[in-house]
Amino acid sequence: MKPIPVDFHIGPLQIHTYGIGLAITFYFAYRYFEKRLRDNELPWEWLASSVLWIIGAAIIGARIVHVIANIKYYLSSPIEVFAIWHGGLSSFGGLAGAIPVALYLLHKRAPDLRPLVALDLITPVLMASWAMGRILGPQLMYAGGGRATNAWYGLQYAGQIGYRIPVPVFQATEDFIIFLVSLQLEKFFKSKEMPSGTLLIATVGLWSVERFFDEFLWLAVPRLWDAVEVFSIILFVFSIFGLVMQIKKKRRLAAELDPQDLSNN
């Protein structure tokens, strides 16, 4: 399969398919999150006036972390720091930029909406958006493929020689599966009356496993102890610790509500 054009022209205007894909993905995330807020009868009006600030923070954070992780390249080609249309947005950096800004705006504009409740609600949104974004973003960008391969599933990417592992396609599939799993976990945790934040923690654990093996199998050179791999391991450990703490919290709350049951045990 030939590479999809990474840009095209409308008159003198150059349009990058990567940017269009990301714009569609951000719009989808905004609308889906708004729907989940409405469906749960929670404040949603604050989102419309906040979404552009959150998106801006996500892009800046994602770019900064990517540049830091590849600092040798950008020191030799500093102008490329601003060439976002060539790709290079870190998922971890996007979260690091967007979450603090989103929580600040939530506190200012919807103080009645508890942060952990909002984070649980947006968790499936993020997974669905990453699934879409991998196809509409990295799959359409310059040098978007993984390692070179002779396998039947190899694809050609603009700016890369030969056939490449179609990592964005694989990641989109993984993210969509985690999205489906997160919806089922959401129902399960509600049925068990788990504390707010449990869905977020569990999904982060699943996602960190995915990101580790994405890097190890298809992206990182050398194959082990890439920065993303190390951070993925750290996230996974924290997610296990977080789940243990959530279970303890649930038991403690249950005991406080029913001290007679605690004495019988």
C-alpha atoms as a PDB file:
ATOM      1  CA  MET A   1       0.000   0.000   0.000  1.00  0.00           C
ATOM      2  CA  LYS A   2       1.339   3.403  -0.982  1.00  0.00           C
ATOM      3  CA  PRO A   3       1.697   6.085   1.713  1.00  0.00           C
ATOM      4  CA  ILE A   4      -1.267   8.420   2.192  1.00  0.00           C
ATOM      5  CA  PRO A   5      -0.344  12.014   1.224  1.00  0.00           C
ATOM      6  CA  VAL A   6       0.671  13.928   4.344  1.00  0.00           C
ATOM      7  CA  ASP A   7      -0.414  17.250   2.863  1.00  0.00           C
ATOM      8  CA  PHE A   8      -2.313  18.781  -0.026  1.00  0.00           C
ATOM      9  CA  HIS A   9      -3.029  22.225  -1.402  1.00  0.00           C
ATOM     10  CA  ILE A  10      -6.168  24.292  -1.743  1.00  0.00           C
ATOM     11  CA  GLY A  11      -4.905  27.066  -3.960  1.00  0.00           C
ATOM     12  CA  PRO A  12      -1.820  28.526  -2.234  1.00  0.00           C
ATOM     13  CA  LEU A  13      -2.854  27.065   1.138  1.00  0.00           C
ATOM     14  CA  GLN A  14      -1.014  23.936   2.310  1.00  0.00           C
ATOM     15  CA  ILE A  15      -3.175  21.599   4.403  1.00  0.00           C
ATOM     16  CA  HIS A  16      -1.663  18.830   6.535  1.00  0.00           C
ATOM     17  CA  THR A  17      -3.759  15.678   6.869  1.00  0.00           C
ATOM     18  CA  TYR A  18      -2.216  15.079  10.316  1.00  0.00           C
ATOM     19  CA  GLY A  19      -3.664  18.350  11.595  1.00  0.00           C
ATOM     20  CA  ILE A  20      -7.094  17.646  10.165  1.00  0.00           C
ATOM     21  CA  GLY A  21      -7.096  14.231  11.801  1.00  0.00           C
ATOM     22  CA  LEU A  22      -6.173  15.666  15.186  1.00  0.00           C
ATOM     23  CA  ALA A  23      -8.837  18.368  14.895  1.00  0.00           C
ATOM     24  CA  ILE A  24     -11.505  15.732  14.194  1.00  0.00           C
ATOM     25  CA  THR A  25     -10.273  13.676  17.143  1.00  0.00           C
ATOM     26  CA  PHE A  26     -10.346  16.612  19.562  1.00  0.00           C
ATOM     27  CA  TYR A  27     -13.872  17.519  18.432  1.00  0.00           C
ATOM     28  CA  PHE A  28     -15.014  13.937  18.944  1.00  0.00           C
ATOM     29  CA  ALA A  29     -13.510  13.882  22.452  1.00  0.00           C
ATOM     30  CA  TYR A  30     -15.238  17.147  23.334  1.00  0.00           C
ATOM     31  CA  ARG A  31     -18.650  15.967  22.162  1.00  0.00           C
ATOM     32  CA  TYR A  32     -18.363  12.504  23.697  1.00  0.00           C
ATOM     33  CA  PHE A  33     -17.285  13.879  27.082  1.00  0.00           C
ATOM     34  CA  GLU A  34     -20.119  16.401  26.994  1.00  0.00           C
ATOM     35  CA  LYS A  35     -22.562  13.589  26.267  1.00  0.00           C
ATOM     36  CA  ARG A  36     -21.305  11.512  29.192  1.00  0.00           C
ATOM     37  CA  LEU A  37     -21.655  14.502  31.512  1.00  0.00           C
ATOM     38  CA  ARG A  38     -25.213  15.110  30.306  1.00  0.00           C
ATOM     39  CA  ASP A  39     -26.135  11.428  30.556  1.00  0.00           C
ATOM     40  CA  ASN A  40     -24.992  11.395  34.182  1.00  0.00           C
ATOM     41  CA  GLU A  41     -26.860  14.654  34.912  1.00  0.00           C
ATOM     42  CA  LEU A  42     -23.651  16.460  35.821  1.00  0.00           C
ATOM     43  CA  PRO A  43     -22.557  20.024  34.989  1.00  0.00           C
ATOM     44  CA  TRP A  44     -21.522  20.206  31.357  1.00  0.00           C
ATOM     45  CA  GLU A  45     -21.841  23.881  30.365  1.00  0.00           C
ATOM     46  CA  TRP A  46     -18.306  24.644  31.571  1.00  0.00           C
ATOM     47  CA  LEU A  47     -16.778  22.389  28.941  1.00  0.00           C
ATOM     48  CA  ALA A  48     -17.550  24.534  25.877  1.00  0.00           C
ATOM     49  CA  SER A  49     -15.653  27.536  27.243  1.00  0.00           C
ATOM     50  CA  SER A  50     -12.769  25.369  28.499  1.00  0.00           C
ATOM     51  CA  VAL A  51     -12.087  22.937  25.676  1.00  0.00           C
ATOM     52  CA  LEU A  52      -9.746  25.155  23.622  1.00  0.00           C
ATOM     53  CA  TRP A  53      -7.606  25.891  26.676  1.00  0.00           C
ATOM     54  CA  ILE A  54      -7.395  22.174  27.443  1.00  0.00           C
ATOM     55  CA  ILE A  55      -6.519  21.275  23.848  1.00  0.00           C
ATOM     56  CA  GLY A  56      -3.847  23.980  23.739  1.00  0.00           C
ATOM     57  CA  ALA A  57      -2.307  22.734  26.978  1.00  0.00           C
ATOM     58  CA  ALA A  58      -2.384  19.147  25.682  1.00  0.00           C
ATOM     59  CA  ILE A  59      -0.580  20.061  22.454  1.00  0.00           C
ATOM     60  CA  ILE A  60       2.052  22.176  24.220  1.00  0.00           C
ATOM     61  CA  GLY A  61       2.689  19.523  26.867  1.00  0.00           C
ATOM     62  CA  ALA A  62       2.819  16.762  24.264  1.00  0.00           C
ATOM     63  CA  ARG A  63       5.322  18.672  22.152  1.00  0.00           C
ATOM     64  CA  ILE A  64       7.565  19.674  25.060  1.00  0.00           C
ATOM     65  CA  VAL A  65       7.882  16.108  26.337  1.00  0.00           C
ATOM     66  CA  HIS A  66       8.539  14.779  22.827  1.00  0.00           C
ATOM     67  CA  VAL A  67      11.262  17.352  22.235  1.00  0.00           C
ATOM     68  CA  ILE A  68      12.898  16.612  25.602  1.00  0.00           C
ATOM     69  CA  ALA A  69      12.803  12.865  24.892  1.00  0.00           C
ATOM     70  CA  ASN A  70      14.514  13.475  21.525  1.00  0.00           C
ATOM     71  CA  ILE A  71      16.683  16.400  22.560  1.00  0.00           C
ATOM     72  CA  LYS A  72      19.777  15.329  20.576  1.00  0.00           C
ATOM     73  CA  TYR A  73      17.859  15.491  17.315  1.00  0.00           C
ATOM     74  CA  TYR A  74      16.266  18.855  18.086  1.00  0.00           C
ATOM     75  CA  LEU A  75      19.558  20.389  19.199  1.00  0.00           C
ATOM     76  CA  SER A  76      20.938  19.579  15.777  1.00  0.00           C
ATOM     77  CA  SER A  77      17.754  20.760  14.009  1.00  0.00           C
ATOM     78  CA  PRO A  78      16.187  23.387  16.305  1.00  0.00           C
ATOM     79  CA  ILE A  79      13.760  24.661  13.665  1.00  0.00           C
ATOM     80  CA  GLU A  80      12.077  21.253  13.733  1.00  0.00           C
ATOM     81  CA  VAL A  81      10.869  21.941  17.295  1.00  0.00           C
ATOM     82  CA  PHE A  82       7.994  23.908  15.773  1.00  0.00           C
ATOM     83  CA  ALA A  83       7.243  21.457  12.909  1.00  0.00           C
ATOM     84  CA  ILE A  84       4.313  19.792  14.627  1.00  0.00           C
ATOM     85  CA  TRP A  85       2.863  18.796  11.242  1.00  0.00           C
ATOM     86  CA  HIS A  86       5.676  16.224  11.039  1.00  0.00           C
ATOM     87  CA  GLY A  87       4.238  14.562  14.134  1.00  0.00           C
ATOM     88  CA  GLY A  88       5.945  14.188  17.459  1.00  0.00           C
ATOM     89  CA  LEU A  89       3.344  14.578  20.197  1.00  0.00           C
ATOM     90  CA  SER A  90       3.863  12.565  23.368  1.00  0.00           C
ATOM     91  CA  SER A  91       0.764  10.959  24.906  1.00  0.00           C
ATOM     92  CA  PHE A  92       2.293  11.306  28.370  1.00  0.00           C
ATOM     93  CA  GLY A  93       3.118  14.951  27.729  1.00  0.00           C
ATOM     94  CA  GLY A  94      -0.384  15.622  26.448  1.00  0.00           C
ATOM     95  CA  LEU A  95      -1.847  14.285  29.674  1.00  0.00           C
ATOM     96  CA  ALA A  96       0.679  16.210  31.771  1.00  0.00           C
ATOM     97  CA  GLY A  97      -0.320  19.430  30.022  1.00  0.00           C
ATOM     98  CA  ALA A  98      -4.069  18.924  29.778  1.00  0.00           C
ATOM     99  CA  ILE A  99      -5.018  17.426  33.149  1.00  0.00           C
ATOM    100  CA  PRO A 100      -3.813  20.278  35.416  1.00  0.00           C
ATOM    101  CA  VAL A 101      -5.438  22.889  33.169  1.00  0.00           C
ATOM    102  CA  ALA A 102      -8.672  20.884  32.956  1.00  0.00           C
ATOM    103  CA  LEU A 103      -8.815  20.409  36.733  1.00  0.00           C
ATOM    104  CA  TYR A 104      -8.168  24.125  37.311  1.00  0.00           C
ATOM    105  CA  LEU A 105     -10.952  25.131  34.917  1.00  0.00           C
ATOM    106  CA  LEU A 106     -13.243  22.510  36.452  1.00  0.00           C
ATOM    107  CA  HIS A 107     -12.617  23.971  39.918  1.00  0.00           C
ATOM    108  CA  LYS A 108     -13.316  27.509  38.692  1.00  0.00           C
ATOM    109  CA  ARG A 109     -16.303  26.863  36.430  1.00  0.00           C
ATOM    110  CA  ALA A 110     -17.976  23.739  37.841  1.00  0.00           C
ATOM    111  CA  PRO A 111     -16.992  23.490  41.520  1.00  0.00           C
ATOM    112  CA  ASP A 112     -19.847  21.075  42.258  1.00  0.00           C
ATOM    113  CA  LEU A 113     -18.375  18.436  39.932  1.00  0.00           C
ATOM    114  CA  ARG A 114     -15.876  16.352  41.891  1.00  0.00           C
ATOM    115  CA  PRO A 115     -12.534  15.923  40.042  1.00  0.00           C
ATOM    116  CA  LEU A 116     -12.352  12.129  40.450  1.00  0.00           C
ATOM    117  CA  VAL A 117     -15.896  11.758  39.118  1.00  0.00           C
ATOM    118  CA  ALA A 118     -14.955  13.842  36.077  1.00  0.00           C
ATOM    119  CA  LEU A 119     -11.747  11.865  35.552  1.00  0.00           C
ATOM    120  CA  ASP A 120     -13.645   8.565  35.669  1.00  0.00           C
ATOM    121  CA  LEU A 121     -16.115   9.906  33.114  1.00  0.00           C
ATOM    122  CA  ILE A 122     -13.435  11.094  30.729  1.00  0.00           C
ATOM    123  CA  THR A 123     -11.384   7.881  30.935  1.00  0.00           C
ATOM    124  CA  PRO A 124     -13.348   5.953  28.253  1.00  0.00           C
ATOM    125  CA  VAL A 125     -13.450   9.172  26.206  1.00  0.00           C
ATOM    126  CA  LEU A 126      -9.658   9.313  26.169  1.00  0.00           C
ATOM    127  CA  MET A 127      -9.324   5.681  25.116  1.00  0.00           C
ATOM    128  CA  ALA A 128     -11.879   6.081  22.299  1.00  0.00           C
ATOM    129  CA  SER A 129     -10.167   9.307  21.213  1.00  0.00           C
ATOM    130  CA  TRP A 130      -6.724   7.714  21.213  1.00  0.00           C
ATOM    131  CA  ALA A 131      -8.077   4.886  19.063  1.00  0.00           C
ATOM    132  CA  MET A 132      -9.465   7.401  16.579  1.00  0.00           C
ATOM    133  CA  GLY A 133      -6.456   9.693  16.859  1.00  0.00           C
ATOM    134  CA  ARG A 134      -3.945   6.953  16.023  1.00  0.00           C
ATOM    135  CA  ILE A 135      -5.660   6.401  12.679  1.00  0.00           C
ATOM    136  CA  LEU A 136      -6.360  10.054  11.896  1.00  0.00           C
ATOM    137  CA  GLY A 137      -3.073  11.346  13.360  1.00  0.00           C
ATOM    138  CA  PRO A 138       0.139   9.262  13.290  1.00  0.00           C
ATOM    139  CA  GLN A 139      -1.143   7.039  10.481  1.00  0.00           C
ATOM    140  CA  LEU A 140      -1.372  10.137   8.281  1.00  0.00           C
ATOM    141  CA  MET A 141       1.778  11.928   9.368  1.00  0.00           C
ATOM    142  CA  TYR A 142       5.320  12.148   8.049  1.00  0.00           C
ATOM    143  CA  ALA A 143       7.421   9.108   9.134  1.00  0.00           C
ATOM    144  CA  GLY A 144       4.521   7.634  11.089  1.00  0.00           C
ATOM    145  CA  GLY A 145       5.509   3.970  10.845  1.00  0.00           C
ATOM    146  CA  GLY A 146       7.515   1.767  13.194  1.00  0.00           C
ATOM    147  CA  ARG A 147      10.524  -0.416  12.486  1.00  0.00           C
ATOM    148  CA  ALA A 148      11.240  -1.688   8.976  1.00  0.00           C
ATOM    149  CA  THR A 149       9.599  -5.020   8.185  1.00  0.00           C
ATOM    150  CA  ASN A 150       9.177  -7.566   5.385  1.00  0.00           C
ATOM    151  CA  ALA A 151       5.965  -8.924   6.893  1.00  0.00           C
ATOM    152  CA  TRP A 152       2.762  -9.060   4.845  1.00  0.00           C
ATOM    153  CA  TYR A 153       1.155  -6.348   6.990  1.00  0.00           C
ATOM    154  CA  GLY A 154       3.892  -3.777   6.339  1.00  0.00           C
ATOM    155  CA  LEU A 155       2.826  -0.378   5.027  1.00  0.00           C
ATOM    156  CA  GLN A 156       4.664   2.453   3.353  1.00  0.00           C
ATOM    157  CA  TYR A 157       4.878   5.835   5.075  1.00  0.00           C
ATOM    158  CA  ALA A 158       5.928   9.211   3.704  1.00  0.00           C
ATOM    159  CA  GLY A 159       9.485  10.022   4.741  1.00  0.00           C
ATOM    160  CA  GLN A 160      10.421   6.396   5.505  1.00  0.00           C
ATOM    161  CA  ILE A 161      12.161   3.938   3.189  1.00  0.00           C
ATOM    162  CA  GLY A 162      10.576   0.564   2.527  1.00  0.00           C
ATOM    163  CA  TYR A 163       7.758  -1.118   4.409  1.00  0.00           C
ATOM    164  CA  ARG A 164       7.153  -0.341   8.056  1.00  0.00           C
ATOM    165  CA  ILE A 165       5.278  -1.903  10.945  1.00  0.00           C
ATOM    166  CA  PRO A 166       1.922  -0.044  10.965  1.00  0.00           C
ATOM    167  CA  VAL A 167       2.199   0.902  14.629  1.00  0.00           C
ATOM    168  CA  PRO A 168      -0.638   3.474  14.517  1.00  0.00           C
ATOM    169  CA  VAL A 169      -3.034   0.786  13.253  1.00  0.00           C
ATOM    170  CA  PHE A 170      -1.953  -1.633  15.962  1.00  0.00           C
ATOM    171  CA  GLN A 171      -2.212   1.055  18.639  1.00  0.00           C
ATOM    172  CA  ALA A 172      -5.656   2.120  17.451  1.00  0.00           C
ATOM    173  CA  THR A 173      -6.834  -1.483  17.760  1.00  0.00           C
ATOM    174  CA  GLU A 174      -5.344  -1.799  21.255  1.00  0.00           C
ATOM    175  CA  ASP A 175      -6.818   1.501  22.410  1.00  0.00           C
ATOM    176  CA  PHE A 176     -10.258   0.566  21.096  1.00  0.00           C
ATOM    177  CA  ILE A 177     -10.126  -2.739  22.966  1.00  0.00           C
ATOM    178  CA  ILE A 178      -9.169  -0.904  26.177  1.00  0.00           C
ATOM    179  CA  PHE A 179     -12.030   1.516  25.522  1.00  0.00           C
ATOM    180  CA  LEU A 180     -14.496  -1.392  25.367  1.00  0.00           C
ATOM    181  CA  VAL A 181     -12.962  -2.930  28.479  1.00  0.00           C
ATOM    182  CA  SER A 182     -13.197   0.398  30.323  1.00  0.00           C
ATOM    183  CA  LEU A 183     -16.942   0.581  29.636  1.00  0.00           C
ATOM    184  CA  GLN A 184     -17.398  -2.872  31.146  1.00  0.00           C
ATOM    185  CA  LEU A 185     -15.177  -1.992  34.111  1.00  0.00           C
ATOM    186  CA  GLU A 186     -17.255   1.121  34.652  1.00  0.00           C
ATOM    187  CA  LYS A 187     -20.407  -0.992  35.047  1.00  0.00           C
ATOM    188  CA  PHE A 188     -18.603  -3.475  37.277  1.00  0.00           C
ATOM    189  CA  PHE A 189     -17.133  -0.834  39.589  1.00  0.00           C
ATOM    190  CA  LYS A 190     -20.516   0.881  39.902  1.00  0.00           C
ATOM    191  CA  SER A 191     -22.155  -2.413  40.828  1.00  0.00           C
ATOM    192  CA  LYS A 192     -19.500  -2.913  43.522  1.00  0.00           C
ATOM    193  CA  GLU A 193     -19.816   0.728  44.665  1.00  0.00           C
ATOM    194  CA  MET A 194     -16.100   1.325  44.272  1.00  0.00           C
ATOM    195  CA  PRO A 195     -14.777   4.806  45.136  1.00  0.00           C
ATOM    196  CA  SER A 196     -14.473   7.443  42.443  1.00  0.00           C
ATOM    197  CA  GLY A 197     -11.173   7.231  40.583  1.00  0.00           C
ATOM    198  CA  THR A 198     -11.109   3.429  40.396  1.00  0.00           C
ATOM    199  CA  LEU A 199     -11.936   3.334  36.691  1.00  0.00           C
ATOM    200  CA  LEU A 200      -9.219   5.873  35.940  1.00  0.00           C
ATOM    201  CA  ILE A 201      -6.608   3.906  37.889  1.00  0.00           C
ATOM    202  CA  ALA A 202      -7.522   0.538  36.333  1.00  0.00           C
ATOM    203  CA  THR A 203      -7.544   1.927  32.801  1.00  0.00           C
ATOM    204  CA  VAL A 204      -4.206   3.661  33.302  1.00  0.00           C
ATOM    205  CA  GLY A 205      -2.804   0.275  34.309  1.00  0.00           C
ATOM    206  CA  LEU A 206      -4.062  -1.348  31.115  1.00  0.00           C
ATOM    207  CA  TRP A 207      -2.860   1.532  28.966  1.00  0.00           C
ATOM    208  CA  SER A 208       0.607   1.499  30.547  1.00  0.00           C
ATOM    209  CA  VAL A 209       0.982  -2.179  29.637  1.00  0.00           C
ATOM    210  CA  GLU A 210      -0.017  -1.370  26.070  1.00  0.00           C
ATOM    211  CA  ARG A 211       2.451   1.515  25.798  1.00  0.00           C
ATOM    212  CA  PHE A 212       5.298  -0.604  27.196  1.00  0.00           C
ATOM    213  CA  PHE A 213       4.850  -3.359  24.643  1.00  0.00           C
ATOM    214  CA  ASP A 214       4.269  -0.890  21.798  1.00  0.00           C
ATOM    215  CA  GLU A 215       7.702   0.561  22.449  1.00  0.00           C
ATOM    216  CA  PHE A 216       9.405  -2.750  23.186  1.00  0.00           C
ATOM    217  CA  LEU A 217       8.064  -4.609  20.148  1.00  0.00           C
ATOM    218  CA  TRP A 218       7.738  -1.953  17.459  1.00  0.00           C
ATOM    219  CA  LEU A 219       9.256   1.426  18.248  1.00  0.00           C
ATOM    220  CA  ALA A 220      12.130   1.730  20.722  1.00  0.00           C
ATOM    221  CA  VAL A 221      15.768   1.397  19.683  1.00  0.00           C
ATOM    222  CA  PRO A 222      17.309  -0.249  21.673  1.00  0.00           C
ATOM    223  CA  ARG A 223      14.386  -2.439  22.605  1.00  0.00           C
ATOM    224  CA  LEU A 224      14.576  -2.006  26.366  1.00  0.00           C
ATOM    225  CA  TRP A 225      14.759   0.914  28.787  1.00  0.00           C
ATOM    226  CA  ASP A 226      13.439   3.511  26.402  1.00  0.00           C
ATOM    227  CA  ALA A 227      11.999   6.478  28.357  1.00  0.00           C
ATOM    228  CA  VAL A 228       8.434   5.517  27.436  1.00  0.00           C
ATOM    229  CA  GLU A 229       9.019   1.941  28.607  1.00  0.00           C
ATOM    230  CA  VAL A 230      10.389   3.095  31.952  1.00  0.00           C
ATOM    231  CA  PHE A 231       7.521   5.529  32.521  1.00  0.00           C
ATOM    232  CA  SER A 232       5.014   2.860  31.513  1.00  0.00           C
ATOM    233  CA  ILE A 233       6.427   0.519  34.164  1.00  0.00           C
ATOM    234  CA  ILE A 234       6.198   3.292  36.758  1.00  0.00           C
ATOM    235  CA  LEU A 235       2.579   4.002  35.783  1.00  0.00           C
ATOM    236  CA  PHE A 236       1.688   0.327  36.016  1.00  0.00           C
ATOM    237  CA  VAL A 237       3.194   0.010  39.498  1.00  0.00           C
ATOM    238  CA  PHE A 238       1.324   3.121  40.650  1.00  0.00           C
ATOM    239  CA  SER A 239      -1.920   1.786  39.177  1.00  0.00           C
ATOM    240  CA  ILE A 240      -1.587  -1.497  41.110  1.00  0.00           C
ATOM    241  CA  PHE A 241      -0.851   0.450  44.281  1.00  0.00           C
ATOM    242  CA  GLY A 242      -3.808   2.738  43.539  1.00  0.00           C
ATOM    243  CA  LEU A 243      -6.204  -0.173  43.067  1.00  0.00           C
ATOM    244  CA  VAL A 244      -5.101  -1.694  46.368  1.00  0.00           C
ATOM    245  CA  MET A 245      -5.729   1.626  48.098  1.00  0.00           C
ATOM    246  CA  GLN A 246      -9.155   1.950  46.455  1.00  0.00           C
ATOM    247  CA  ILE A 247     -10.148  -1.524  47.676  1.00  0.00           C
ATOM    248  CA  LYS A 248      -9.018  -0.626  51.203  1.00  0.00           C
ATOM    249  CA  LYS A 249     -10.936   2.644  51.014  1.00  0.00           C
ATOM    250  CA  LYS A 250     -14.078   0.836  49.899  1.00  0.00           C
ATOM    251  CA  ARG A 251     -13.806  -1.602  52.803  1.00  0.00           C
ATOM    252  CA  ARG A 252     -13.207   1.218  55.261  1.00  0.00           C
ATOM    253  CA  LEU A 253     -16.237   3.145  54.033  1.00  0.00           C
ATOM    254  CA  ALA A 254     -18.361   0.012  54.179  1.00  0.00           C
ATOM    255  CA  ALA A 255     -17.232  -0.596  57.767  1.00  0.00           C
ATOM    256  CA  GLU A 256     -18.084   2.969  58.762  1.00  0.00           C
ATOM    257  CA  LEU A 257     -21.569   2.582  57.319  1.00  0.00           C
ATOM    258  CA  ASP A 258     -22.129  -0.774  58.994  1.00  0.00           C
ATOM    259  CA  PRO A 259     -20.096  -1.046  62.224  1.00  0.00           C
ATOM    260  CA  GLN A 260     -22.228  -4.036  63.330  1.00  0.00           C
ATOM    261  CA  ASP A 261     -21.002  -5.998  60.324  1.00  0.00           C
ATOM    262  CA  LEU A 262     -17.411  -5.123  61.227  1.00  0.00           C
ATOM    263  CA  SER A 263     -17.894  -6.410  64.805  1.00  0.00           C
ATOM    264  CA  ASN A 264     -19.348  -9.682  63.520  1.00  0.00           C
ATOM    265  CA  ASN A 265     -16.226 -10.201  61.407  1.00  0.00           C
END
